[in-house]
Amino acid sequence: MDKSKRTFCRRYFFRQIGKVVESFGKGLQEAQQSLAFDDFFESYESSYALTLAYPDDILIETAHQHGIDTEGREKNEIVKELFEKYGGYGN
């Protein structure tokens, strides 16, 4: 067998393995970020800056301007939806 073909195959194989490992790492990082995001909005205490410190009337008005239903929903749920859609998360 031609050694140049063997070298080419070996390099190609290692490049592909490197890409798989890199993609796995990126996927793992995205999953961890998603979990951290969900944990942030899990309670009022953890999302204080965006929920309790945000005036209710401004929050409701902002949500309505963006077409988000607020009826019967918790404040942190509304803020989470605003942030998901318009805050740059996942974009």
PDB file of N, CA and C in Angstrom:
ATOM      1  N   MET A   1       0.839  -1.189   0.000  1.00  0.00           N
ATOM      2  CA  MET A   1       0.000   0.000   0.000  1.00  0.00           C
ATOM      3  C   MET A   1       0.882   1.250   0.000  1.00  0.00           C
ATOM      4  N   ASP A   2       0.467   2.221  -0.736  1.00  0.00           N
ATOM      5  CA  ASP A   2       1.191   3.485  -0.840  1.00  0.00           C
ATOM      6  C   ASP A   2       1.161   4.200   0.516  1.00  0.00           C
ATOM      7  N   LYS A   3       2.349   4.591   1.024  1.00  0.00           N
ATOM      8  CA  LYS A   3       2.432   5.239   2.333  1.00  0.00           C
ATOM      9  C   LYS A   3       1.740   6.595   2.350  1.00  0.00           C
ATOM     10  N   SER A   4       1.691   7.299   1.243  1.00  0.00           N
ATOM     11  CA  SER A   4       1.026   8.605   1.216  1.00  0.00           C
ATOM     12  C   SER A   4      -0.483   8.435   1.422  1.00  0.00           C
ATOM     13  N   LYS A   5      -1.063   7.360   0.898  1.00  0.00           N
ATOM     14  CA  LYS A   5      -2.487   7.085   1.110  1.00  0.00           C
ATOM     15  C   LYS A   5      -2.750   6.735   2.568  1.00  0.00           C
ATOM     16  N   ARG A   6      -1.843   5.963   3.142  1.00  0.00           N
ATOM     17  CA  ARG A   6      -1.988   5.582   4.548  1.00  0.00           C
ATOM     18  C   ARG A   6      -1.908   6.828   5.434  1.00  0.00           C
ATOM     19  N   THR A   7      -0.959   7.701   5.144  1.00  0.00           N
ATOM     20  CA  THR A   7      -0.808   8.936   5.908  1.00  0.00           C
ATOM     21  C   THR A   7      -2.043   9.817   5.752  1.00  0.00           C
ATOM     22  N   PHE A   8      -2.542   9.916   4.522  1.00  0.00           N
ATOM     23  CA  PHE A   8      -3.748  10.704   4.276  1.00  0.00           C
ATOM     24  C   PHE A   8      -4.928  10.161   5.089  1.00  0.00           C
ATOM     25  N   CYS A   9      -5.131   8.850   5.062  1.00  0.00           N
ATOM     26  CA  CYS A   9      -6.242   8.217   5.790  1.00  0.00           C
ATOM     27  C   CYS A   9      -6.100   8.439   7.297  1.00  0.00           C
ATOM     28  N   ARG A  10      -4.886   8.299   7.788  1.00  0.00           N
ATOM     29  CA  ARG A  10      -4.650   8.481   9.216  1.00  0.00           C
ATOM     30  C   ARG A  10      -4.947   9.928   9.629  1.00  0.00           C
ATOM     31  N   ARG A  11      -4.465  10.881   8.852  1.00  0.00           N
ATOM     32  CA  ARG A  11      -4.721  12.293   9.170  1.00  0.00           C
ATOM     33  C   ARG A  11      -6.214  12.610   9.094  1.00  0.00           C
ATOM     34  N   TYR A  12      -6.867  12.084   8.077  1.00  0.00           N
ATOM     35  CA  TYR A  12      -8.306  12.306   7.922  1.00  0.00           C
ATOM     36  C   TYR A  12      -9.056  11.728   9.123  1.00  0.00           C
ATOM     37  N   PHE A  13      -8.693  10.531   9.516  1.00  0.00           N
ATOM     38  CA  PHE A  13      -9.338   9.875  10.648  1.00  0.00           C
ATOM     39  C   PHE A  13      -9.168  10.708  11.918  1.00  0.00           C
ATOM     40  N   PHE A  14      -7.948  11.158  12.189  1.00  0.00           N
ATOM     41  CA  PHE A  14      -7.702  11.942  13.394  1.00  0.00           C
ATOM     42  C   PHE A  14      -8.410  13.299  13.342  1.00  0.00           C
ATOM     43  N   ARG A  15      -8.495  13.913  12.177  1.00  0.00           N
ATOM     44  CA  ARG A  15      -9.239  15.173  12.042  1.00  0.00           C
ATOM     45  C   ARG A  15     -10.713  14.967  12.361  1.00  0.00           C
ATOM     46  N   GLN A  16     -11.256  13.865  11.850  1.00  0.00           N
ATOM     47  CA  GLN A  16     -12.669  13.580  12.092  1.00  0.00           C
ATOM     48  C   GLN A  16     -12.936  13.304  13.570  1.00  0.00           C
ATOM     49  N   ILE A  17     -12.049  12.578  14.205  1.00  0.00           N
ATOM     50  CA  ILE A  17     -12.173  12.318  15.646  1.00  0.00           C
ATOM     51  C   ILE A  17     -12.115  13.642  16.412  1.00  0.00           C
ATOM     52  N   GLY A  18     -11.216  14.509  16.013  1.00  0.00           N
ATOM     53  CA  GLY A  18     -11.106  15.823  16.658  1.00  0.00           C
ATOM     54  C   GLY A  18     -12.389  16.625  16.516  1.00  0.00           C
ATOM     55  N   LYS A  19     -13.007  16.571  15.341  1.00  0.00           N
ATOM     56  CA  LYS A  19     -14.260  17.288  15.124  1.00  0.00           C
ATOM     57  C   LYS A  19     -15.387  16.721  15.982  1.00  0.00           C
ATOM     58  N   VAL A  20     -15.417  15.408  16.112  1.00  0.00           N
ATOM     59  CA  VAL A  20     -16.449  14.766  16.947  1.00  0.00           C
ATOM     60  C   VAL A  20     -16.291  15.200  18.402  1.00  0.00           C
ATOM     61  N   VAL A  21     -15.063  15.168  18.895  1.00  0.00           N
ATOM     62  CA  VAL A  21     -14.807  15.565  20.279  1.00  0.00           C
ATOM     63  C   VAL A  21     -15.158  17.039  20.491  1.00  0.00           C
ATOM     64  N   GLU A  22     -14.800  17.878  19.547  1.00  0.00           N
ATOM     65  CA  GLU A  22     -15.095  19.302  19.638  1.00  0.00           C
ATOM     66  C   GLU A  22     -16.606  19.540  19.642  1.00  0.00           C
ATOM     67  N   SER A  23     -17.333  18.876  18.772  1.00  0.00           N
ATOM     68  CA  SER A  23     -18.785  19.015  18.710  1.00  0.00           C
ATOM     69  C   SER A  23     -19.444  18.528  19.993  1.00  0.00           C
ATOM     70  N   PHE A  24     -18.939  17.440  20.532  1.00  0.00           N
ATOM     71  CA  PHE A  24     -19.469  16.925  21.793  1.00  0.00           C
ATOM     72  C   PHE A  24     -19.276  17.945  22.902  1.00  0.00           C
ATOM     73  N   GLY A  25     -18.102  18.553  22.950  1.00  0.00           N
ATOM     74  CA  GLY A  25     -17.816  19.574  23.964  1.00  0.00           C
ATOM     75  C   GLY A  25     -18.739  20.770  23.838  1.00  0.00           C
ATOM     76  N   LYS A  26     -18.997  21.206  22.617  1.00  0.00           N
ATOM     77  CA  LYS A  26     -19.906  22.334  22.404  1.00  0.00           C
ATOM     78  C   LYS A  26     -21.325  21.978  22.825  1.00  0.00           C
ATOM     79  N   GLY A  27     -21.762  20.782  22.488  1.00  0.00           N
ATOM     80  CA  GLY A  27     -23.100  20.342  22.877  1.00  0.00           C
ATOM     81  C   GLY A  27     -23.251  20.267  24.384  1.00  0.00           C
ATOM     82  N   LEU A  28     -22.236  19.769  25.049  1.00  0.00           N
ATOM     83  CA  LEU A  28     -22.243  19.688  26.504  1.00  0.00           C
ATOM     84  C   LEU A  28     -22.307  21.080  27.125  1.00  0.00           C
ATOM     85  N   GLN A  29     -21.542  22.001  26.585  1.00  0.00           N
ATOM     86  CA  GLN A  29     -21.538  23.378  27.085  1.00  0.00           C
ATOM     87  C   GLN A  29     -22.905  24.026  26.899  1.00  0.00           C
ATOM     88  N   GLU A  30     -23.548  23.824  25.754  1.00  0.00           N
ATOM     89  CA  GLU A  30     -24.879  24.378  25.511  1.00  0.00           C
ATOM     90  C   GLU A  30     -25.898  23.799  26.477  1.00  0.00           C
ATOM     91  N   ALA A  31     -25.807  22.515  26.752  1.00  0.00           N
ATOM     92  CA  ALA A  31     -26.728  21.875  27.697  1.00  0.00           C
ATOM     93  C   ALA A  31     -26.550  22.452  29.101  1.00  0.00           C
ATOM     94  N   GLN A  32     -25.312  22.675  29.497  1.00  0.00           N
ATOM     95  CA  GLN A  32     -25.053  23.252  30.815  1.00  0.00           C
ATOM     96  C   GLN A  32     -25.576  24.679  30.905  1.00  0.00           C
ATOM     97  N   GLN A  33     -25.424  25.462  29.847  1.00  0.00           N
ATOM     98  CA  GLN A  33     -25.942  26.825  29.828  1.00  0.00           C
ATOM     99  C   GLN A  33     -27.461  26.826  29.914  1.00  0.00           C
ATOM    100  N   SER A  34     -28.092  25.901  29.220  1.00  0.00           N
ATOM    101  CA  SER A  34     -29.546  25.800  29.254  1.00  0.00           C
ATOM    102  C   SER A  34     -30.037  25.462  30.656  1.00  0.00           C
ATOM    103  N   LEU A  35     -29.358  24.543  31.317  1.00  0.00           N
ATOM    104  CA  LEU A  35     -29.724  24.190  32.689  1.00  0.00           C
ATOM    105  C   LEU A  35     -29.544  25.374  33.632  1.00  0.00           C
ATOM    106  N   ALA A  36     -28.463  26.107  33.475  1.00  0.00           N
ATOM    107  CA  ALA A  36     -28.213  27.275  34.312  1.00  0.00           C
ATOM    108  C   ALA A  36     -29.286  28.336  34.085  1.00  0.00           C
ATOM    109  N   PHE A  37     -29.700  28.512  32.834  1.00  0.00           N
ATOM    110  CA  PHE A  37     -30.743  29.481  32.501  1.00  0.00           C
ATOM    111  C   PHE A  37     -32.049  29.099  33.176  1.00  0.00           C
ATOM    112  N   ASP A  38     -32.430  27.818  33.074  1.00  0.00           N
ATOM    113  CA  ASP A  38     -33.668  27.351  33.695  1.00  0.00           C
ATOM    114  C   ASP A  38     -33.599  27.456  35.217  1.00  0.00           C
ATOM    115  N   ASP A  39     -32.452  27.138  35.790  1.00  0.00           N
ATOM    116  CA  ASP A  39     -32.278  27.250  37.240  1.00  0.00           C
ATOM    117  C   ASP A  39     -32.405  28.694  37.705  1.00  0.00           C
ATOM    118  N   PHE A  40     -31.940  29.627  36.899  1.00  0.00           N
ATOM    119  CA  PHE A  40     -32.004  31.047  37.249  1.00  0.00           C
ATOM    120  C   PHE A  40     -33.449  31.485  37.473  1.00  0.00           C
ATOM    121  N   PHE A  41     -34.369  31.009  36.644  1.00  0.00           N
ATOM    122  CA  PHE A  41     -35.761  31.420  36.742  1.00  0.00           C
ATOM    123  C   PHE A  41     -36.613  30.473  37.593  1.00  0.00           C
ATOM    124  N   GLU A  42     -35.985  29.509  38.236  1.00  0.00           N
ATOM    125  CA  GLU A  42     -36.731  28.531  39.024  1.00  0.00           C
ATOM    126  C   GLU A  42     -37.391  29.153  40.250  1.00  0.00           C
ATOM    127  N   SER A  43     -36.773  30.145  40.856  1.00  0.00           N
ATOM    128  CA  SER A  43     -37.356  30.784  42.041  1.00  0.00           C
ATOM    129  C   SER A  43     -37.193  32.293  41.954  1.00  0.00           C
ATOM    130  N   TYR A  44     -37.984  32.984  42.766  1.00  0.00           N
ATOM    131  CA  TYR A  44     -37.880  34.438  42.802  1.00  0.00           C
ATOM    132  C   TYR A  44     -36.545  34.892  43.368  1.00  0.00           C
ATOM    133  N   GLU A  45     -36.006  34.132  44.300  1.00  0.00           N
ATOM    134  CA  GLU A  45     -34.746  34.519  44.932  1.00  0.00           C
ATOM    135  C   GLU A  45     -33.586  34.501  43.936  1.00  0.00           C
ATOM    136  N   SER A  46     -33.557  33.480  43.085  1.00  0.00           N
ATOM    137  CA  SER A  46     -32.447  33.379  42.140  1.00  0.00           C
ATOM    138  C   SER A  46     -32.570  34.372  40.991  1.00  0.00           C
ATOM    139  N   SER A  47     -33.784  34.793  40.672  1.00  0.00           N
ATOM    140  CA  SER A  47     -33.980  35.734  39.557  1.00  0.00           C
ATOM    141  C   SER A  47     -34.412  37.112  40.054  1.00  0.00           C
ATOM    142  N   TYR A  48     -33.983  37.464  41.242  1.00  0.00           N
ATOM    143  CA  TYR A  48     -34.405  38.707  41.880  1.00  0.00           C
ATOM    144  C   TYR A  48     -34.242  39.937  40.992  1.00  0.00           C
ATOM    145  N   ALA A  49     -33.098  40.077  40.378  1.00  0.00           N
ATOM    146  CA  ALA A  49     -32.812  41.285  39.597  1.00  0.00           C
ATOM    147  C   ALA A  49     -33.801  41.489  38.451  1.00  0.00           C
ATOM    148  N   LEU A  50     -34.316  40.407  37.889  1.00  0.00           N
ATOM    149  CA  LEU A  50     -35.239  40.530  36.763  1.00  0.00           C
ATOM    150  C   LEU A  50     -36.705  40.379  37.147  1.00  0.00           C
ATOM    151  N   THR A  51     -36.984  39.984  38.374  1.00  0.00           N
ATOM    152  CA  THR A  51     -38.382  39.769  38.746  1.00  0.00           C
ATOM    153  C   THR A  51     -38.818  40.731  39.837  1.00  0.00           C
ATOM    154  N   LEU A  52     -38.336  40.556  41.041  1.00  0.00           N
ATOM    155  CA  LEU A  52     -38.813  41.369  42.162  1.00  0.00           C
ATOM    156  C   LEU A  52     -38.413  42.836  42.043  1.00  0.00           C
ATOM    157  N   ALA A  53     -37.260  43.109  41.481  1.00  0.00           N
ATOM    158  CA  ALA A  53     -36.799  44.487  41.372  1.00  0.00           C
ATOM    159  C   ALA A  53     -37.399  45.216  40.171  1.00  0.00           C
ATOM    160  N   TYR A  54     -38.112  44.522  39.328  1.00  0.00           N
ATOM    161  CA  TYR A  54     -38.707  45.103  38.114  1.00  0.00           C
ATOM    162  C   TYR A  54     -40.144  45.510  38.422  1.00  0.00           C
ATOM    163  N   PRO A  55     -40.502  46.777  38.258  1.00  0.00           N
ATOM    164  CA  PRO A  55     -41.867  47.223  38.567  1.00  0.00           C
ATOM    165  C   PRO A  55     -42.924  46.454  37.770  1.00  0.00           C
ATOM    166  N   ASP A  56     -43.982  46.041  38.464  1.00  0.00           N
ATOM    167  CA  ASP A  56     -45.026  45.217  37.852  1.00  0.00           C
ATOM    168  C   ASP A  56     -45.666  45.871  36.639  1.00  0.00           C
ATOM    169  N   ASP A  57     -46.010  47.142  36.756  1.00  0.00           N
ATOM    170  CA  ASP A  57     -46.711  47.809  35.651  1.00  0.00           C
ATOM    171  C   ASP A  57     -45.847  47.885  34.390  1.00  0.00           C
ATOM    172  N   ILE A  58     -44.564  48.123  34.563  1.00  0.00           N
ATOM    173  CA  ILE A  58     -43.662  48.180  33.404  1.00  0.00           C
ATOM    174  C   ILE A  58     -43.497  46.787  32.803  1.00  0.00           C
ATOM    175  N   LEU A  59     -43.374  45.777  33.649  1.00  0.00           N
ATOM    176  CA  LEU A  59     -43.240  44.402  33.172  1.00  0.00           C
ATOM    177  C   LEU A  59     -44.464  43.984  32.360  1.00  0.00           C
ATOM    178  N   ILE A  60     -45.640  44.225  32.891  1.00  0.00           N
ATOM    179  CA  ILE A  60     -46.881  43.840  32.211  1.00  0.00           C
ATOM    180  C   ILE A  60     -47.014  44.591  30.886  1.00  0.00           C
ATOM    181  N   GLU A  61     -46.721  45.872  30.904  1.00  0.00           N
ATOM    182  CA  GLU A  61     -46.806  46.674  29.674  1.00  0.00           C
ATOM    183  C   GLU A  61     -45.810  46.170  28.624  1.00  0.00           C
ATOM    184  N   THR A  62     -44.597  45.888  29.046  1.00  0.00           N
ATOM    185  CA  THR A  62     -43.572  45.380  28.127  1.00  0.00           C
ATOM    186  C   THR A  62     -43.989  44.031  27.541  1.00  0.00           C
ATOM    187  N   ALA A  63     -44.511  43.157  28.396  1.00  0.00           N
ATOM    188  CA  ALA A  63     -44.955  41.848  27.927  1.00  0.00           C
ATOM    189  C   ALA A  63     -46.082  41.994  26.902  1.00  0.00           C
ATOM    190  N   HIS A  64     -47.040  42.849  27.178  1.00  0.00           N
ATOM    191  CA  HIS A  64     -48.147  43.060  26.240  1.00  0.00           C
ATOM    192  C   HIS A  64     -47.647  43.636  24.914  1.00  0.00           C
ATOM    193  N   GLN A  65     -46.677  44.521  24.976  1.00  0.00           N
ATOM    194  CA  GLN A  65     -46.115  45.105  23.747  1.00  0.00           C
ATOM    195  C   GLN A  65     -45.466  44.026  22.873  1.00  0.00           C
ATOM    196  N   HIS A  66     -44.978  42.990  23.504  1.00  0.00           N
ATOM    197  CA  HIS A  66     -44.322  41.905  22.766  1.00  0.00           C
ATOM    198  C   HIS A  66     -45.256  40.719  22.526  1.00  0.00           C
ATOM    199  N   GLY A  67     -46.525  40.905  22.817  1.00  0.00           N
ATOM    200  CA  GLY A  67     -47.508  39.866  22.545  1.00  0.00           C
ATOM    201  C   GLY A  67     -47.460  38.679  23.489  1.00  0.00           C
ATOM    202  N   ILE A  68     -47.016  38.917  24.704  1.00  0.00           N
ATOM    203  CA  ILE A  68     -46.918  37.848  25.694  1.00  0.00           C
ATOM    204  C   ILE A  68     -48.099  37.947  26.646  1.00  0.00           C
ATOM    205  N   ASP A  69     -48.814  36.833  26.799  1.00  0.00           N
ATOM    206  CA  ASP A  69     -49.965  36.774  27.686  1.00  0.00           C
ATOM    207  C   ASP A  69     -49.486  36.747  29.134  1.00  0.00           C
ATOM    208  N   THR A  70     -50.078  37.574  29.980  1.00  0.00           N
ATOM    209  CA  THR A  70     -49.666  37.661  31.380  1.00  0.00           C
ATOM    210  C   THR A  70     -50.741  37.153  32.343  1.00  0.00           C
ATOM    211  N   GLU A  71     -51.914  36.890  31.845  1.00  0.00           N
ATOM    212  CA  GLU A  71     -53.039  36.484  32.691  1.00  0.00           C
ATOM    213  C   GLU A  71     -52.753  35.181  33.432  1.00  0.00           C
ATOM    214  N   GLY A  72     -52.827  35.224  34.766  1.00  0.00           N
ATOM    215  CA  GLY A  72     -52.663  34.039  35.588  1.00  0.00           C
ATOM    216  C   GLY A  72     -51.256  33.463  35.634  1.00  0.00           C
ATOM    217  N   ARG A  73     -50.274  34.227  35.228  1.00  0.00           N
ATOM    218  CA  ARG A  73     -48.893  33.730  35.202  1.00  0.00           C
ATOM    219  C   ARG A  73     -48.066  34.393  36.287  1.00  0.00           C
ATOM    220  N   GLU A  74     -47.089  33.654  36.777  1.00  0.00           N
ATOM    221  CA  GLU A  74     -46.153  34.189  37.765  1.00  0.00           C
ATOM    222  C   GLU A  74     -45.224  35.189  37.082  1.00  0.00           C
ATOM    223  N   LYS A  75     -44.758  36.132  37.867  1.00  0.00           N
ATOM    224  CA  LYS A  75     -43.890  37.182  37.342  1.00  0.00           C
ATOM    225  C   LYS A  75     -42.611  36.610  36.732  1.00  0.00           C
ATOM    226  N   ASN A  76     -42.003  35.628  37.390  1.00  0.00           N
ATOM    227  CA  ASN A  76     -40.752  35.079  36.848  1.00  0.00           C
ATOM    228  C   ASN A  76     -40.987  34.312  35.548  1.00  0.00           C
ATOM    229  N   GLU A  77     -42.183  33.750  35.340  1.00  0.00           N
ATOM    230  CA  GLU A  77     -42.497  33.088  34.069  1.00  0.00           C
ATOM    231  C   GLU A  77     -42.559  34.106  32.933  1.00  0.00           C
ATOM    232  N   ILE A  78     -43.142  35.265  33.218  1.00  0.00           N
ATOM    233  CA  ILE A  78     -43.263  36.320  32.210  1.00  0.00           C
ATOM    234  C   ILE A  78     -41.882  36.849  31.844  1.00  0.00           C
ATOM    235  N   VAL A  79     -41.063  37.108  32.854  1.00  0.00           N
ATOM    236  CA  VAL A  79     -39.712  37.620  32.608  1.00  0.00           C
ATOM    237  C   VAL A  79     -38.892  36.594  31.831  1.00  0.00           C
ATOM    238  N   LYS A  80     -39.036  35.315  32.178  1.00  0.00           N
ATOM    239  CA  LYS A  80     -38.300  34.265  31.470  1.00  0.00           C
ATOM    240  C   LYS A  80     -38.683  34.244  29.995  1.00  0.00           C
ATOM    241  N   GLU A  81     -39.983  34.330  29.696  1.00  0.00           N
ATOM    242  CA  GLU A  81     -40.415  34.323  28.296  1.00  0.00           C
ATOM    243  C   GLU A  81     -39.916  35.556  27.555  1.00  0.00           C
ATOM    244  N   LEU A  82     -39.971  36.718  28.197  1.00  0.00           N
ATOM    245  CA  LEU A  82     -39.430  37.935  27.574  1.00  0.00           C
ATOM    246  C   LEU A  82     -37.948  37.761  27.261  1.00  0.00           C
ATOM    247  N   PHE A  83     -37.226  37.239  28.228  1.00  0.00           N
ATOM    248  CA  PHE A  83     -35.793  37.068  28.037  1.00  0.00           C
ATOM    249  C   PHE A  83     -35.485  36.049  26.956  1.00  0.00           C
ATOM    250  N   GLU A  84     -36.237  34.944  26.911  1.00  0.00           N
ATOM    251  CA  GLU A  84     -36.013  33.926  25.884  1.00  0.00           C
ATOM    252  C   GLU A  84     -36.272  34.482  24.487  1.00  0.00           C
ATOM    253  N   LYS A  85     -37.340  35.247  24.335  1.00  0.00           N
ATOM    254  CA  LYS A  85     -37.726  35.729  23.012  1.00  0.00           C
ATOM    255  C   LYS A  85     -36.963  36.980  22.582  1.00  0.00           C
ATOM    256  N   TYR A  86     -36.669  37.859  23.524  1.00  0.00           N
ATOM    257  CA  TYR A  86     -36.119  39.155  23.122  1.00  0.00           C
ATOM    258  C   TYR A  86     -34.837  39.548  23.846  1.00  0.00           C
ATOM    259  N   GLY A  87     -34.347  38.707  24.730  1.00  0.00           N
ATOM    260  CA  GLY A  87     -33.159  39.049  25.502  1.00  0.00           C
ATOM    261  C   GLY A  87     -31.874  38.508  24.955  1.00  0.00           C
ATOM    262  N   GLY A  88     -31.925  37.811  23.833  1.00  0.00           N
ATOM    263  CA  GLY A  88     -30.712  37.313  23.208  1.00  0.00           C
ATOM    264  C   GLY A  88     -30.340  35.903  23.591  1.00  0.00           C
ATOM    265  N   TYR A  89     -31.106  35.252  24.481  1.00  0.00           N
ATOM    266  CA  TYR A  89     -30.779  33.879  24.841  1.00  0.00           C
ATOM    267  C   TYR A  89     -31.167  32.945  23.713  1.00  0.00           C
ATOM    268  N   GLY A  90     -30.210  32.140  23.292  1.00  0.00           N
ATOM    269  CA  GLY A  90     -30.476  31.159  22.245  1.00  0.00           C
ATOM    270  C   GLY A  90     -30.455  31.729  20.840  1.00  0.00           C
ATOM    271  N   ASN A  91     -30.164  33.007  20.692  1.00  0.00           N
ATOM    272  CA  ASN A  91     -30.098  33.632  19.350  1.00  0.00           C
ATOM    273  C   ASN A  91     -28.707  33.561  18.790  1.00  0.00           C
TER     274      ASN A  91
END
